Amino acid sequence: MNKKMFFLVIFLVGYMGFALAQDAADKKASPSLKFSSTACDPGLEAFDRRSRVPESIISTDWVSEKELSVVAYVRTYCSKVEMTGDYEINGNTLILKYRITWGDAFSRCMCAHKLVYDLTGIEKKDYNVTIERVR
């Protein structure tokens, strides 16, 4: 084998190894999350003022093969609150997480706040979707 052929073989083997490693890294990349929340939303049909359920999933929709949109509600105080969201995937369970931060004003009334979790790059499968508060 001459030198040119040897270097060509080495280059091809190295390139194939890089391509396989890149493909594996792409498959392991975490889905990206776009989270949003609304202030008190009186139009939420899923919310019942007599209910003691603090949170619930309203809908789970696949937008595309790699995009999942989940809408939920959280029952909390009417005063100015800030919500942040995150998620965790554990097997077939998708755990949606939220944190509530209260402002200076505090009220005694309760209302529903809509939370929207848009996940891009998520593997399409039948997830058991749950929601939990992070304190």
C-alpha atoms as a PDB file:
ATOM      1  CA  MET A   1       0.000   0.000   0.000  1.00  0.00           C
ATOM      2  CA  ASN A   2       1.458   3.359  -0.967  1.00  0.00           C
ATOM      3  CA  LYS A   3       1.505   6.456   1.261  1.00  0.00           C
ATOM      4  CA  LYS A   4      -1.415   8.179  -0.495  1.00  0.00           C
ATOM      5  CA  MET A   5      -3.662   5.146  -0.104  1.00  0.00           C
ATOM      6  CA  PHE A   6      -2.642   4.760   3.549  1.00  0.00           C
ATOM      7  CA  PHE A   7      -3.505   8.394   4.362  1.00  0.00           C
ATOM      8  CA  LEU A   8      -6.779   8.110   2.453  1.00  0.00           C
ATOM      9  CA  VAL A   9      -7.787   5.050   4.488  1.00  0.00           C
ATOM     10  CA  ILE A  10      -6.812   6.793   7.740  1.00  0.00           C
ATOM     11  CA  PHE A  11      -8.795   9.895   6.716  1.00  0.00           C
ATOM     12  CA  LEU A  12     -11.907   7.867   5.835  1.00  0.00           C
ATOM     13  CA  VAL A  13     -11.799   5.865   9.067  1.00  0.00           C
ATOM     14  CA  GLY A  14     -11.386   9.067  11.091  1.00  0.00           C
ATOM     15  CA  TYR A  15     -14.212  10.789   9.232  1.00  0.00           C
ATOM     16  CA  MET A  16     -16.562   7.818   9.747  1.00  0.00           C
ATOM     17  CA  GLY A  17     -15.752   7.788  13.471  1.00  0.00           C
ATOM     18  CA  PHE A  18     -16.460  11.518  13.722  1.00  0.00           C
ATOM     19  CA  ALA A  19     -19.757  11.153  11.808  1.00  0.00           C
ATOM     20  CA  LEU A  20     -20.901   8.293  14.072  1.00  0.00           C
ATOM     21  CA  ALA A  21     -19.973  10.229  17.216  1.00  0.00           C
ATOM     22  CA  GLN A  22     -21.820  13.327  15.939  1.00  0.00           C
ATOM     23  CA  ASP A  23     -24.919  11.229  15.156  1.00  0.00           C
ATOM     24  CA  ALA A  24     -24.876   9.729  18.674  1.00  0.00           C
ATOM     25  CA  ALA A  25     -24.475  13.200  20.209  1.00  0.00           C
ATOM     26  CA  ASP A  26     -27.421  14.511  18.168  1.00  0.00           C
ATOM     27  CA  LYS A  27     -29.624  11.665  19.396  1.00  0.00           C
ATOM     28  CA  LYS A  28     -28.728  12.376  23.031  1.00  0.00           C
ATOM     29  CA  ALA A  29     -29.332  16.150  22.775  1.00  0.00           C
ATOM     30  CA  SER A  30     -31.990  17.340  25.189  1.00  0.00           C
ATOM     31  CA  PRO A  31     -35.180  18.815  23.787  1.00  0.00           C
ATOM     32  CA  SER A  32     -35.406  22.590  24.043  1.00  0.00           C
ATOM     33  CA  LEU A  33     -38.225  24.125  26.083  1.00  0.00           C
ATOM     34  CA  LYS A  34     -40.174  27.288  25.369  1.00  0.00           C
ATOM     35  CA  PHE A  35     -42.265  28.078  28.450  1.00  0.00           C
ATOM     36  CA  SER A  36     -44.959  30.713  28.867  1.00  0.00           C
ATOM     37  CA  SER A  37     -47.644  31.520  31.418  1.00  0.00           C
ATOM     38  CA  THR A  38     -50.655  33.816  31.636  1.00  0.00           C
ATOM     39  CA  ALA A  39     -52.044  35.792  34.530  1.00  0.00           C
ATOM     40  CA  CYS A  40     -55.461  34.871  35.915  1.00  0.00           C
ATOM     41  CA  ASP A  41     -57.432  33.383  33.028  1.00  0.00           C
ATOM     42  CA  PRO A  42     -61.195  33.278  33.770  1.00  0.00           C
ATOM     43  CA  GLY A  43     -61.761  31.476  30.458  1.00  0.00           C
ATOM     44  CA  LEU A  44     -60.124  28.236  31.552  1.00  0.00           C
ATOM     45  CA  GLU A  45     -62.919  25.653  31.490  1.00  0.00           C
ATOM     46  CA  ALA A  46     -60.764  23.077  33.250  1.00  0.00           C
ATOM     47  CA  PHE A  47     -60.597  25.231  36.359  1.00  0.00           C
ATOM     48  CA  ASP A  48     -63.356  24.915  38.913  1.00  0.00           C
ATOM     49  CA  ARG A  49     -63.222  27.372  41.821  1.00  0.00           C
ATOM     50  CA  ARG A  50     -64.548  24.679  44.176  1.00  0.00           C
ATOM     51  CA  SER A  51     -61.841  22.265  43.099  1.00  0.00           C
ATOM     52  CA  ARG A  52     -58.967  21.562  45.441  1.00  0.00           C
ATOM     53  CA  VAL A  53     -56.766  20.314  42.559  1.00  0.00           C
ATOM     54  CA  PRO A  54     -53.785  22.695  42.485  1.00  0.00           C
ATOM     55  CA  GLU A  55     -52.710  21.854  38.915  1.00  0.00           C
ATOM     56  CA  SER A  56     -53.782  19.802  35.934  1.00  0.00           C
ATOM     57  CA  ILE A  57     -52.925  19.022  32.317  1.00  0.00           C
ATOM     58  CA  ILE A  58     -55.440  20.504  29.866  1.00  0.00           C
ATOM     59  CA  SER A  59     -54.078  19.237  26.534  1.00  0.00           C
ATOM     60  CA  THR A  60     -51.139  17.407  24.983  1.00  0.00           C
ATOM     61  CA  ASP A  61     -50.667  17.884  21.229  1.00  0.00           C
ATOM     62  CA  TRP A  62     -47.969  16.744  18.830  1.00  0.00           C
ATOM     63  CA  VAL A  63     -47.302  19.714  16.535  1.00  0.00           C
ATOM     64  CA  SER A  64     -44.863  17.666  14.416  1.00  0.00           C
ATOM     65  CA  GLU A  65     -42.685  14.548  14.693  1.00  0.00           C
ATOM     66  CA  LYS A  66     -40.315  16.361  17.081  1.00  0.00           C
ATOM     67  CA  GLU A  67     -42.527  19.072  18.634  1.00  0.00           C
ATOM     68  CA  LEU A  68     -44.865  18.585  21.586  1.00  0.00           C
ATOM     69  CA  SER A  69     -47.095  21.288  23.070  1.00  0.00           C
ATOM     70  CA  VAL A  70     -48.635  20.798  26.513  1.00  0.00           C
ATOM     71  CA  VAL A  71     -51.114  23.211  28.097  1.00  0.00           C
ATOM     72  CA  ALA A  72     -51.776  23.037  31.839  1.00  0.00           C
ATOM     73  CA  TYR A  73     -53.275  25.185  34.563  1.00  0.00           C
ATOM     74  CA  VAL A  74     -52.089  26.038  38.025  1.00  0.00           C
ATOM     75  CA  ARG A  75     -54.373  27.308  40.755  1.00  0.00           C
ATOM     76  CA  THR A  76     -52.702  29.992  42.831  1.00  0.00           C
ATOM     77  CA  TYR A  77     -53.244  33.477  44.247  1.00  0.00           C
ATOM     78  CA  CYS A  78     -54.549  36.303  42.055  1.00  0.00           C
ATOM     79  CA  SER A  79     -51.754  38.672  43.014  1.00  0.00           C
ATOM     80  CA  LYS A  80     -48.843  39.268  40.705  1.00  0.00           C
ATOM     81  CA  VAL A  81     -46.938  36.005  40.382  1.00  0.00           C
ATOM     82  CA  GLU A  82     -44.081  34.976  38.161  1.00  0.00           C
ATOM     83  CA  MET A  83     -43.935  31.413  36.828  1.00  0.00           C
ATOM     84  CA  THR A  84     -40.903  29.589  35.508  1.00  0.00           C
ATOM     85  CA  GLY A  85     -40.975  26.167  33.917  1.00  0.00           C
ATOM     86  CA  ASP A  86     -38.738  23.189  33.347  1.00  0.00           C
ATOM     87  CA  TYR A  87     -39.142  19.507  32.532  1.00  0.00           C
ATOM     88  CA  GLU A  88     -37.663  16.066  33.117  1.00  0.00           C
ATOM     89  CA  ILE A  89     -37.967  12.909  31.044  1.00  0.00           C
ATOM     90  CA  ASN A  90     -37.762   9.634  32.932  1.00  0.00           C
ATOM     91  CA  GLY A  91     -38.428   6.706  30.561  1.00  0.00           C
ATOM     92  CA  ASN A  92     -41.977   7.167  29.264  1.00  0.00           C
ATOM     93  CA  THR A  93     -42.831   9.814  31.874  1.00  0.00           C
ATOM     94  CA  LEU A  94     -42.626  13.503  31.015  1.00  0.00           C
ATOM     95  CA  ILE A  95     -42.621  15.555  34.217  1.00  0.00           C
ATOM     96  CA  LEU A  96     -43.485  19.212  33.690  1.00  0.00           C
ATOM     97  CA  LYS A  97     -42.180  21.403  36.486  1.00  0.00           C
ATOM     98  CA  TYR A  98     -43.101  24.921  37.538  1.00  0.00           C
ATOM     99  CA  ARG A  99     -41.960  27.359  40.185  1.00  0.00           C
ATOM    100  CA  ILE A 100     -44.061  30.219  41.558  1.00  0.00           C
ATOM    101  CA  THR A 101     -42.509  33.469  42.756  1.00  0.00           C
ATOM    102  CA  TRP A 102     -44.752  36.079  44.358  1.00  0.00           C
ATOM    103  CA  GLY A 103     -44.292  39.823  44.057  1.00  0.00           C
ATOM    104  CA  ASP A 104     -44.763  42.379  46.804  1.00  0.00           C
ATOM    105  CA  ALA A 105     -48.565  42.392  46.663  1.00  0.00           C
ATOM    106  CA  PHE A 106     -50.395  39.427  48.152  1.00  0.00           C
ATOM    107  CA  SER A 107     -54.075  38.581  47.842  1.00  0.00           C
ATOM    108  CA  ARG A 108     -56.451  35.989  49.248  1.00  0.00           C
ATOM    109  CA  CYS A 109     -58.328  35.278  46.005  1.00  0.00           C
ATOM    110  CA  MET A 110     -57.444  32.237  43.901  1.00  0.00           C
ATOM    111  CA  CYS A 111     -57.469  31.865  40.126  1.00  0.00           C
ATOM    112  CA  ALA A 112     -56.143  29.697  37.306  1.00  0.00           C
ATOM    113  CA  HIS A 113     -52.952  30.552  35.451  1.00  0.00           C
ATOM    114  CA  LYS A 114     -52.365  28.863  32.097  1.00  0.00           C
ATOM    115  CA  LEU A 115     -48.930  27.296  31.521  1.00  0.00           C
ATOM    116  CA  VAL A 116     -47.701  26.333  28.046  1.00  0.00           C
ATOM    117  CA  TYR A 117     -44.748  23.974  27.570  1.00  0.00           C
ATOM    118  CA  ASP A 118     -43.491  23.756  23.956  1.00  0.00           C
ATOM    119  CA  LEU A 119     -40.801  21.101  23.593  1.00  0.00           C
ATOM    120  CA  THR A 120     -38.771  20.930  20.369  1.00  0.00           C
ATOM    121  CA  GLY A 121     -36.491  18.014  19.547  1.00  0.00           C
ATOM    122  CA  ILE A 122     -38.378  15.524  21.716  1.00  0.00           C
ATOM    123  CA  GLU A 123     -38.721  11.894  20.667  1.00  0.00           C
ATOM    124  CA  LYS A 124     -42.295  11.168  19.590  1.00  0.00           C
ATOM    125  CA  LYS A 125     -43.816   8.478  21.790  1.00  0.00           C
ATOM    126  CA  ASP A 126     -46.694   7.951  24.187  1.00  0.00           C
ATOM    127  CA  TYR A 127     -45.640   9.847  27.319  1.00  0.00           C
ATOM    128  CA  ASN A 128     -47.350   9.766  30.689  1.00  0.00           C
ATOM    129  CA  VAL A 129     -47.398  13.550  31.253  1.00  0.00           C
ATOM    130  CA  THR A 130     -47.479  14.834  34.830  1.00  0.00           C
ATOM    131  CA  ILE A 131     -47.017  18.261  36.373  1.00  0.00           C
ATOM    132  CA  GLU A 132     -45.444  19.185  39.694  1.00  0.00           C
ATOM    133  CA  ARG A 133     -44.513  22.268  41.622  1.00  0.00           C
ATOM    134  CA  VAL A 134     -40.869  22.866  42.485  1.00  0.00           C
ATOM    135  CA  ARG A 135     -40.396  24.761  45.736  1.00  0.00           C
END
